[in-house]
Amino acid sequence: MSNKKIYLNSNEHNFDLRFQENIMLCNYARSNNFNFCSMMGGPESIRDLQEAKNLFADAFEFPMIESLFALEKIFLAIEKVFIEDNYTLDSKEIFINISSTDGLNFIDKVNLIKLPPFVNYKNLIFNFDRRSIIKSLGLVKDNNFEIADFEKKINSLIKSKVDFLQTNSFRVCISGGITENSLKYLNSINLKPNFIKTGLFTIPIDQFNDNLYYKVFELQKLEVKIISLVNKCLLDKHDYLKIREKHLQNYISSKNL
Protein backbone atom coordinates (compact mmCIF):
# COMPACT_ATOMS: atom_id res chain seq x y z
CA MET A 1 0.00 0.00 0.00
CA SER A 2 1.47 3.37 -1.02
CA ASN A 3 1.60 5.94 1.78
CA LYS A 4 2.13 8.92 -0.53
CA LYS A 5 0.38 11.98 0.86
CA ILE A 6 -1.33 10.01 3.65
CA TYR A 7 -1.18 12.09 6.80
CA LEU A 8 -0.62 10.81 10.32
CA ASN A 9 -2.41 13.30 12.58
CA SER A 10 -0.95 14.17 15.97
CA ASN A 11 -4.28 14.95 17.76
CA GLU A 12 -2.27 16.12 20.77
CA HIS A 13 -5.10 18.18 22.20
CA ASN A 14 -7.58 15.30 22.00
CA PHE A 15 -5.13 12.84 23.57
CA ASP A 16 -3.48 15.36 25.94
CA LEU A 17 -0.09 14.57 24.41
CA ARG A 18 3.10 16.42 25.22
CA PHE A 19 5.93 17.41 22.90
CA GLN A 20 7.73 14.11 23.60
CA GLU A 21 4.78 12.04 22.38
CA ASN A 22 4.46 14.31 19.36
CA ILE A 23 8.11 13.67 18.51
CA MET A 24 7.44 9.94 18.78
CA LEU A 25 4.45 10.19 16.40
CA CYS A 26 6.41 12.38 14.02
CA ASN A 27 9.31 9.91 13.97
CA TYR A 28 6.85 7.07 13.42
CA ALA A 29 5.38 8.95 10.46
CA ARG A 30 8.79 9.62 8.94
CA SER A 31 10.02 6.05 9.37
CA ASN A 32 6.84 4.66 7.79
CA ASN A 33 6.72 7.13 4.89
CA PHE A 34 3.67 9.05 6.11
CA ASN A 35 3.37 12.80 6.12
CA PHE A 36 2.87 14.41 9.54
CA CYS A 37 0.00 16.76 10.42
CA SER A 38 0.12 18.73 13.67
CA MET A 39 -3.05 19.77 15.50
CA MET A 40 -3.29 23.37 16.71
CA GLY A 41 -5.11 24.45 19.86
CA GLY A 42 -6.88 27.29 18.06
CA PRO A 43 -6.51 29.90 15.30
CA GLU A 44 -3.89 31.91 17.24
CA SER A 45 -1.79 29.01 18.52
CA ILE A 46 1.67 30.52 18.13
CA ARG A 47 3.28 27.97 20.47
CA ASP A 48 1.67 25.02 18.69
CA LEU A 49 2.74 26.39 15.31
CA GLN A 50 6.29 26.86 16.56
CA GLU A 51 6.39 23.27 17.80
CA ALA A 52 5.00 22.07 14.47
CA LYS A 53 7.67 24.08 12.67
CA ASN A 54 10.38 22.54 14.84
CA LEU A 55 9.01 19.09 13.96
CA PHE A 56 9.03 20.01 10.25
CA ALA A 57 5.31 19.13 10.10
CA ASP A 58 3.92 18.75 6.58
CA ALA A 59 0.51 20.15 7.51
CA PHE A 60 -1.36 22.04 10.22
CA GLU A 61 -4.89 21.31 11.43
CA PHE A 62 -7.04 24.04 12.99
CA PRO A 63 -10.17 22.99 14.94
CA MET A 64 -13.61 24.63 15.15
CA ILE A 65 -13.21 27.45 12.62
CA GLU A 66 -16.47 29.41 12.26
CA SER A 67 -15.71 32.75 10.61
CA LEU A 68 -13.53 34.69 8.18
CA PHE A 69 -12.11 36.47 11.23
CA ALA A 70 -10.87 33.17 12.67
CA LEU A 71 -9.29 32.34 9.32
CA GLU A 72 -7.53 35.70 9.28
CA LYS A 73 -6.15 34.95 12.76
CA ILE A 74 -4.73 31.70 11.39
CA PHE A 75 -2.95 33.53 8.60
CA LEU A 76 -1.54 36.12 11.04
CA ALA A 77 -0.25 33.39 13.36
CA ILE A 78 1.37 31.52 10.48
CA GLU A 79 2.99 34.73 9.23
CA LYS A 80 4.47 35.45 12.68
CA VAL A 81 5.98 31.98 13.02
CA PHE A 82 7.24 31.70 9.45
CA ILE A 83 8.15 35.36 8.90
CA GLU A 84 11.77 34.55 7.98
CA ASP A 85 11.11 31.43 5.92
CA ASN A 86 7.55 31.68 4.58
CA TYR A 87 8.75 30.15 1.31
CA THR A 88 8.55 26.78 3.09
CA LEU A 89 4.76 27.19 3.38
CA ASP A 90 4.33 26.45 -0.31
CA SER A 91 4.58 22.74 0.44
CA LYS A 92 2.52 22.73 3.67
CA GLU A 93 -1.21 22.07 3.73
CA ILE A 94 -3.66 23.73 6.11
CA PHE A 95 -6.71 21.78 7.28
CA ILE A 96 -9.64 23.93 8.43
CA ASN A 97 -12.13 22.00 10.56
CA ILE A 98 -15.82 22.77 10.06
CA SER A 99 -17.47 21.42 13.20
CA SER A 100 -20.65 23.44 13.80
CA THR A 101 -23.64 25.14 12.20
CA ASP A 102 -21.76 28.46 12.37
CA GLY A 103 -18.92 26.81 10.51
CA LEU A 104 -21.31 25.61 7.82
CA ASN A 105 -22.70 29.14 7.42
CA PHE A 106 -19.16 30.50 7.15
CA ILE A 107 -18.58 28.35 4.05
CA ASP A 108 -21.00 30.53 2.09
CA LYS A 109 -18.50 33.40 2.43
CA VAL A 110 -15.48 31.44 1.27
CA ASN A 111 -15.27 33.44 -1.95
CA LEU A 112 -14.55 36.51 0.22
CA ILE A 113 -11.38 34.98 1.64
CA LYS A 114 -8.33 37.13 0.99
CA LEU A 115 -5.37 34.81 1.03
CA PRO A 116 -1.99 36.27 1.96
CA PRO A 117 0.75 35.80 -0.65
CA PHE A 118 2.46 33.09 1.39
CA VAL A 119 -0.63 30.80 1.40
CA ASN A 120 -1.51 28.85 -1.73
CA TYR A 121 -5.29 28.35 -2.05
CA LYS A 122 -4.59 24.79 -3.23
CA ASN A 123 -3.09 24.06 0.19
CA LEU A 124 -6.23 25.16 2.06
CA ILE A 125 -8.40 22.12 2.82
CA PHE A 126 -11.80 22.29 4.55
CA ASN A 127 -12.62 19.26 6.69
CA PHE A 128 -16.27 18.55 7.53
CA ASP A 129 -16.33 16.87 10.94
CA ARG A 130 -19.66 15.10 10.57
CA ARG A 131 -19.77 13.86 14.15
CA SER A 132 -19.31 17.34 15.63
CA ILE A 133 -21.78 18.87 13.16
CA ILE A 134 -24.45 16.34 14.16
CA LYS A 135 -23.93 17.31 17.82
CA SER A 136 -24.01 21.02 16.93
CA LEU A 137 -27.36 20.52 15.19
CA GLY A 138 -28.82 19.20 18.46
CA LEU A 139 -29.70 15.84 16.93
CA VAL A 140 -28.12 13.94 19.84
CA LYS A 141 -27.72 14.55 23.55
CA ASP A 142 -24.37 12.83 24.14
CA ASN A 143 -21.51 11.08 22.34
CA ASN A 144 -23.23 7.72 22.35
CA PHE A 145 -24.44 7.60 18.74
CA GLU A 146 -23.55 6.20 15.34
CA ILE A 147 -23.13 8.47 12.35
CA ALA A 148 -24.72 5.75 10.21
CA ASP A 149 -28.05 6.65 11.84
CA PHE A 150 -27.72 10.21 10.45
CA GLU A 151 -25.87 9.44 7.21
CA LYS A 152 -28.56 10.65 4.83
CA LYS A 153 -29.33 13.85 6.76
CA ILE A 154 -25.76 14.96 7.40
CA ASN A 155 -24.53 14.21 3.87
CA SER A 156 -27.42 16.10 2.27
CA LEU A 157 -26.60 19.03 4.56
CA ILE A 158 -22.92 19.27 3.65
CA LYS A 159 -23.17 18.35 -0.05
CA SER A 160 -24.00 21.86 -1.23
CA LYS A 161 -21.12 23.22 0.89
CA VAL A 162 -18.70 20.70 -0.59
CA ASP A 163 -19.86 21.50 -4.12
CA PHE A 164 -19.50 25.23 -3.46
CA LEU A 165 -15.94 24.85 -2.13
CA GLN A 166 -14.81 22.60 -4.96
CA THR A 167 -16.37 24.98 -7.50
CA ASN A 168 -14.17 27.69 -5.97
CA SER A 169 -11.09 25.44 -6.40
CA PHE A 170 -10.70 24.59 -2.71
CA ARG A 171 -10.18 21.01 -1.61
CA VAL A 172 -12.42 19.19 0.84
CA CYS A 173 -12.08 16.47 3.46
CA ILE A 174 -14.80 14.49 5.27
CA SER A 175 -14.41 12.81 8.66
CA GLY A 176 -16.56 10.92 11.13
CA GLY A 177 -18.04 7.43 10.80
CA ILE A 178 -15.88 6.41 7.84
CA THR A 179 -16.86 2.85 6.96
CA GLU A 180 -17.21 0.90 3.74
CA ASN A 181 -20.97 1.56 3.65
CA SER A 182 -20.42 5.25 4.36
CA LEU A 183 -17.95 5.58 1.49
CA LYS A 184 -20.32 3.77 -0.87
CA TYR A 185 -23.13 6.11 0.13
CA LEU A 186 -20.96 9.17 -0.48
CA ASN A 187 -20.15 7.82 -3.92
CA SER A 188 -23.81 7.09 -4.69
CA ILE A 189 -24.84 10.73 -4.12
CA ASN A 190 -21.77 12.06 -5.96
CA LEU A 191 -20.32 13.55 -2.79
CA LYS A 192 -16.64 13.05 -3.48
CA PRO A 193 -14.19 14.79 -1.15
CA ASN A 194 -10.51 15.10 -1.94
CA PHE A 195 -9.58 13.54 1.41
CA ILE A 196 -11.12 11.20 3.96
CA LYS A 197 -10.11 11.49 7.60
CA THR A 198 -10.45 8.47 9.83
CA GLY A 199 -9.04 8.92 13.32
CA LEU A 200 -5.27 9.36 13.13
CA PHE A 201 -5.10 9.26 9.34
CA THR A 202 -6.10 11.60 6.53
CA ILE A 203 -6.18 9.83 3.17
CA PRO A 204 -6.18 11.40 -0.31
CA ILE A 205 -8.79 10.04 -2.68
CA ASP A 206 -8.20 9.34 -6.35
CA GLN A 207 -11.36 7.33 -6.88
CA PHE A 208 -13.99 5.42 -4.93
CA ASN A 209 -13.34 1.72 -5.38
CA ASP A 210 -12.57 -1.44 -3.43
CA ASN A 211 -8.95 -0.38 -3.09
CA LEU A 212 -10.03 2.73 -1.17
CA TYR A 213 -12.18 0.65 1.20
CA TYR A 214 -9.25 -1.70 1.75
CA LYS A 215 -6.83 1.19 2.37
CA VAL A 216 -9.13 2.79 4.94
CA PHE A 217 -9.61 -0.51 6.77
CA GLU A 218 -5.86 -1.26 6.83
CA LEU A 219 -5.13 2.20 8.26
CA GLN A 220 -7.84 1.77 10.88
CA LYS A 221 -6.12 -1.46 11.97
CA LEU A 222 -2.79 0.35 12.09
CA GLU A 223 -4.36 3.10 14.19
CA VAL A 224 -5.19 0.55 16.89
CA LYS A 225 -1.49 -0.35 17.12
CA ILE A 226 -0.40 3.30 17.26
CA ILE A 227 -2.95 4.19 19.94
CA SER A 228 -1.80 1.19 21.96
CA LEU A 229 1.81 2.39 21.66
CA VAL A 230 0.94 5.95 22.73
CA ASN A 231 -1.24 4.69 25.55
CA LYS A 232 1.60 2.50 26.86
CA CYS A 233 3.95 5.52 26.88
CA LEU A 234 1.43 7.59 28.82
CA LEU A 235 0.75 4.77 31.30
CA ASP A 236 4.47 4.15 31.84
CA LYS A 237 4.98 7.84 32.55
CA HIS A 238 2.04 7.84 34.94
CA ASP A 239 3.32 4.72 36.70
CA TYR A 240 6.76 6.30 37.15
CA LEU A 241 5.20 9.40 38.73
CA LYS A 242 3.14 7.26 41.08
CA ILE A 243 6.24 5.30 42.14
CA ARG A 244 8.24 8.50 42.60
CA GLU A 245 5.43 10.08 44.63
CA LYS A 246 5.19 7.05 46.93
CA HIS A 247 8.97 6.89 47.34
CA LEU A 248 9.15 10.56 48.36
CA GLN A 249 6.20 10.23 50.74
CA ASN A 250 7.85 7.26 52.47
CA TYR A 251 11.19 9.09 52.68
CA ILE A 252 9.64 12.25 54.11
CA SER A 253 7.58 10.24 56.60
CA SER A 254 10.73 8.47 57.80
CA LYS A 255 12.37 11.84 58.50
CA ASN A 256 9.49 13.30 60.47
CA LEU A 257 10.43 13.77 64.09
Foldseek 3Di string as FASTA:
>chain_A
DDQPAKEFEPCCVVVVDDLVVVLVSLVVCVVVVHAYEYEAPALQRLVSVLSCVVSVHQEYEHPDDQALVSVVSNLVSNCVNCVPPLLSQVRHAYEYEQQEPSNLVRLVCVVVRDDDPSHDQARYEYEYELQSHCVRVVVDDDSPDACVVVLVVSCVSCQVSCVSCVVVVHFYEYEGRDALVSLVVCVVVVNDGQWYDYPRIIGGDPDDDPVVNVVVVVVVVVVVVSVVVSVVVVVVVVVVVVVVVVVVVVVVVVPDD
